[in-house]
């Protein structure tokens, strides 16, 4: 696995996301359902371990739960950096 390439791609994603948020093109949030589809098992594990927390939630029992995309990408990047350090 090429951790350096993955880390650089994530950093580029964070920069692009920041630019989109500052221009008002994107809110920078993703629903829980979509995040589970996009990030899969890793996201569910981080959610259960309380390493990623929602930024807001809808009202009621079936309200939509929203997460910050930049928080998700930053957590994923930091874990890749830690894995790369452990491998070396």
Protein backbone atom coordinates (compact mmCIF):
# COMPACT_ATOMS: atom_id res chain seq x y z
CA UNK A 1 0.00 0.00 0.00
CA UNK A 2 1.33 3.41 -0.93
CA UNK A 3 0.56 5.48 2.17
CA UNK A 4 2.42 8.58 0.97
CA UNK A 5 0.30 8.84 -2.18
CA UNK A 6 -2.91 8.29 -0.20
CA UNK A 7 -1.90 10.91 2.36
CA UNK A 8 -1.14 13.48 -0.35
CA UNK A 9 -4.49 12.77 -2.03
CA UNK A 10 -6.30 13.30 1.27
CA UNK A 11 -4.47 16.57 1.86
CA UNK A 12 -5.48 17.71 -1.64
CA UNK A 13 -9.10 16.73 -0.86
CA UNK A 14 -8.98 18.80 2.34
CA UNK A 15 -7.71 21.81 0.38
CA UNK A 16 -10.38 21.45 -2.29
CA UNK A 17 -13.09 21.01 0.34
CA UNK A 18 -11.89 24.11 2.17
CA UNK A 19 -12.03 26.12 -1.05
CA UNK A 20 -15.56 24.90 -1.85
CA UNK A 21 -16.74 25.73 1.68
CA UNK A 22 -15.23 29.23 1.61
CA UNK A 23 -16.91 29.95 -1.73
CA UNK A 24 -20.24 28.73 -0.39
CA UNK A 25 -20.52 25.98 -3.01
CA UNK A 26 -20.58 23.15 -0.48
CA UNK A 27 -21.69 22.94 3.13
CA UNK A 28 -18.94 20.40 3.80
CA UNK A 29 -21.31 17.99 5.49
CA UNK A 30 -22.41 14.46 4.68
CA UNK A 31 -25.32 12.44 6.04
CA UNK A 32 -24.67 9.36 8.12
CA UNK A 33 -26.21 7.09 5.49
CA UNK A 34 -24.10 8.54 2.66
CA UNK A 35 -20.93 8.47 4.81
CA UNK A 36 -21.47 4.78 5.50
CA UNK A 37 -21.85 4.15 1.77
CA UNK A 38 -18.77 6.19 0.84
CA UNK A 39 -16.38 5.23 3.66
CA UNK A 40 -17.80 1.79 4.47
CA UNK A 41 -16.79 -0.31 7.45
CA UNK A 42 -14.04 2.11 8.51
CA UNK A 43 -16.57 4.91 9.09
CA UNK A 44 -18.88 2.68 11.10
CA UNK A 45 -15.98 1.57 13.30
CA UNK A 46 -14.85 5.17 13.89
CA UNK A 47 -18.41 6.18 14.67
CA UNK A 48 -18.84 3.37 17.21
CA UNK A 49 -15.48 4.23 18.81
CA UNK A 50 -16.62 7.89 19.08
CA UNK A 51 -13.59 9.05 17.09
CA UNK A 52 -15.88 10.88 14.67
CA UNK A 53 -18.80 12.85 16.06
CA UNK A 54 -21.80 14.39 14.28
CA UNK A 55 -21.87 18.14 13.75
CA UNK A 56 -25.66 18.33 13.84
CA UNK A 57 -28.73 16.15 13.84
CA UNK A 58 -32.28 16.44 12.66
CA UNK A 59 -35.16 16.60 15.06
CA UNK A 60 -36.99 13.51 16.13
CA UNK A 61 -36.07 9.87 16.29
CA UNK A 62 -35.58 9.51 12.55
CA UNK A 63 -33.79 12.82 11.98
CA UNK A 64 -30.80 12.90 9.66
CA UNK A 65 -27.40 12.91 11.35
CA UNK A 66 -24.74 15.04 9.65
CA UNK A 67 -20.94 14.72 9.82
CA UNK A 68 -18.20 17.10 8.72
CA UNK A 69 -16.41 15.78 5.64
CA UNK A 70 -13.21 17.58 6.61
CA UNK A 71 -13.26 15.87 10.04
CA UNK A 72 -13.68 12.48 8.36
CA UNK A 73 -10.84 13.08 5.89
CA UNK A 74 -8.57 14.51 8.61
CA UNK A 75 -9.14 11.46 10.83
CA UNK A 76 -8.50 9.09 7.95
CA UNK A 77 -5.32 10.96 7.02
CA UNK A 78 -3.99 10.96 10.58
CA UNK A 79 -4.57 7.21 10.82
CA UNK A 80 -2.68 6.68 7.55
CA UNK A 81 0.21 8.77 8.86
CA UNK A 82 0.29 6.74 12.08
CA UNK A 83 0.23 3.50 10.09
CA UNK A 84 3.11 4.69 7.92
CA UNK A 85 5.17 5.57 11.00
CA UNK A 86 4.50 2.15 12.54
CA UNK A 87 5.51 0.36 9.33
CA UNK A 88 8.84 2.17 9.15
